[in-house]
Amino acid sequence: MNFGARPLRRLLTYTVETELSKKIISGAVKDGDTVEINFDGKQFTFDATTPVKLDK
């Protein structure tokens, strides 16, 4: 698959931003979380982690 810059941007907007928005709305991703986005060759995967707060 070959993409130019604009088609690649549209693909990322549709796939990544849409899926990430759904996860935020559903509560799977919360404010302050870190989201790792990977591509396994067929689809994007999203792994959200909440930072650990250390007491001083």
C-alpha atoms as a PDB file:
ATOM      1  CA  MET A   1       0.000   0.000   0.000  1.00  0.00           C
ATOM      2  CA  ASN A   2       1.401   3.397  -0.960  1.00  0.00           C
ATOM      3  CA  PHE A   3      -0.009   6.591   0.458  1.00  0.00           C
ATOM      4  CA  GLY A   4       0.774  10.210  -0.190  1.00  0.00           C
ATOM      5  CA  ALA A   5       0.734  12.666   2.701  1.00  0.00           C
ATOM      6  CA  ARG A   6      -2.911  13.714   2.338  1.00  0.00           C
ATOM      7  CA  PRO A   7      -4.413  10.219   1.984  1.00  0.00           C
ATOM      8  CA  LEU A   8      -2.291   9.055   4.933  1.00  0.00           C
ATOM      9  CA  ARG A   9      -3.529  11.967   7.040  1.00  0.00           C
ATOM     10  CA  ARG A  10      -7.140  11.136   6.152  1.00  0.00           C
ATOM     11  CA  LEU A  11      -6.573   7.492   7.068  1.00  0.00           C
ATOM     12  CA  LEU A  12      -5.042   8.413  10.410  1.00  0.00           C
ATOM     13  CA  THR A  13      -7.777  10.933  11.136  1.00  0.00           C
ATOM     14  CA  TYR A  14     -10.460   8.385  10.416  1.00  0.00           C
ATOM     15  CA  THR A  15      -8.925   5.402  12.181  1.00  0.00           C
ATOM     16  CA  VAL A  16      -6.903   6.802  15.067  1.00  0.00           C
ATOM     17  CA  GLU A  17      -8.840   9.933  16.002  1.00  0.00           C
ATOM     18  CA  THR A  18     -12.225   8.248  15.651  1.00  0.00           C
ATOM     19  CA  GLU A  19     -11.284   5.206  17.739  1.00  0.00           C
ATOM     20  CA  LEU A  20      -9.509   7.313  20.348  1.00  0.00           C
ATOM     21  CA  SER A  21     -12.553   9.608  20.596  1.00  0.00           C
ATOM     22  CA  LYS A  22     -14.801   6.593  21.169  1.00  0.00           C
ATOM     23  CA  LYS A  23     -12.515   5.378  23.962  1.00  0.00           C
ATOM     24  CA  ILE A  24     -12.531   8.806  25.627  1.00  0.00           C
ATOM     25  CA  ILE A  25     -16.323   9.062  25.434  1.00  0.00           C
ATOM     26  CA  SER A  26     -16.777   5.535  26.818  1.00  0.00           C
ATOM     27  CA  GLY A  27     -14.453   6.295  29.742  1.00  0.00           C
ATOM     28  CA  ALA A  28     -11.789   3.769  28.714  1.00  0.00           C
ATOM     29  CA  VAL A  29      -9.333   6.684  28.439  1.00  0.00           C
ATOM     30  CA  LYS A  30      -9.361   9.345  31.127  1.00  0.00           C
ATOM     31  CA  ASP A  31      -7.754  12.741  31.543  1.00  0.00           C
ATOM     32  CA  GLY A  32      -4.060  12.282  32.288  1.00  0.00           C
ATOM     33  CA  ASP A  33      -3.836   8.766  30.815  1.00  0.00           C
ATOM     34  CA  THR A  34      -1.083   7.861  28.404  1.00  0.00           C
ATOM     35  CA  VAL A  35      -2.235   6.029  25.280  1.00  0.00           C
ATOM     36  CA  GLU A  36       0.119   3.808  23.322  1.00  0.00           C
ATOM     37  CA  ILE A  37      -1.039   3.281  19.740  1.00  0.00           C
ATOM     38  CA  ASN A  38       0.347   0.378  17.733  1.00  0.00           C
ATOM     39  CA  PHE A  39      -0.376  -1.128  14.346  1.00  0.00           C
ATOM     40  CA  ASP A  40      -0.246  -4.910  14.025  1.00  0.00           C
ATOM     41  CA  GLY A  41      -0.358  -4.974  10.228  1.00  0.00           C
ATOM     42  CA  LYS A  42      -4.145  -5.120  10.071  1.00  0.00           C
ATOM     43  CA  GLN A  43      -5.495  -2.748  12.690  1.00  0.00           C
ATOM     44  CA  PHE A  44      -4.523  -0.169  15.269  1.00  0.00           C
ATOM     45  CA  THR A  45      -4.440  -1.160  18.932  1.00  0.00           C
ATOM     46  CA  PHE A  46      -4.829   1.251  21.835  1.00  0.00           C
ATOM     47  CA  ASP A  47      -3.433   0.661  25.319  1.00  0.00           C
ATOM     48  CA  ALA A  48      -4.236   3.284  27.950  1.00  0.00           C
ATOM     49  CA  THR A  49      -2.298   3.512  31.204  1.00  0.00           C
ATOM     50  CA  THR A  50      -2.825   5.807  34.143  1.00  0.00           C
ATOM     51  CA  PRO A  51       0.391   7.265  35.556  1.00  0.00           C
ATOM     52  CA  VAL A  52       1.264   6.145  39.060  1.00  0.00           C
ATOM     53  CA  LYS A  53       1.310   9.020  41.519  1.00  0.00           C
ATOM     54  CA  LEU A  54       4.149   8.804  43.995  1.00  0.00           C
ATOM     55  CA  ASP A  55       3.668  10.192  47.487  1.00  0.00           C
ATOM     56  CA  LYS A  56       6.523  12.369  48.709  1.00  0.00           C
END
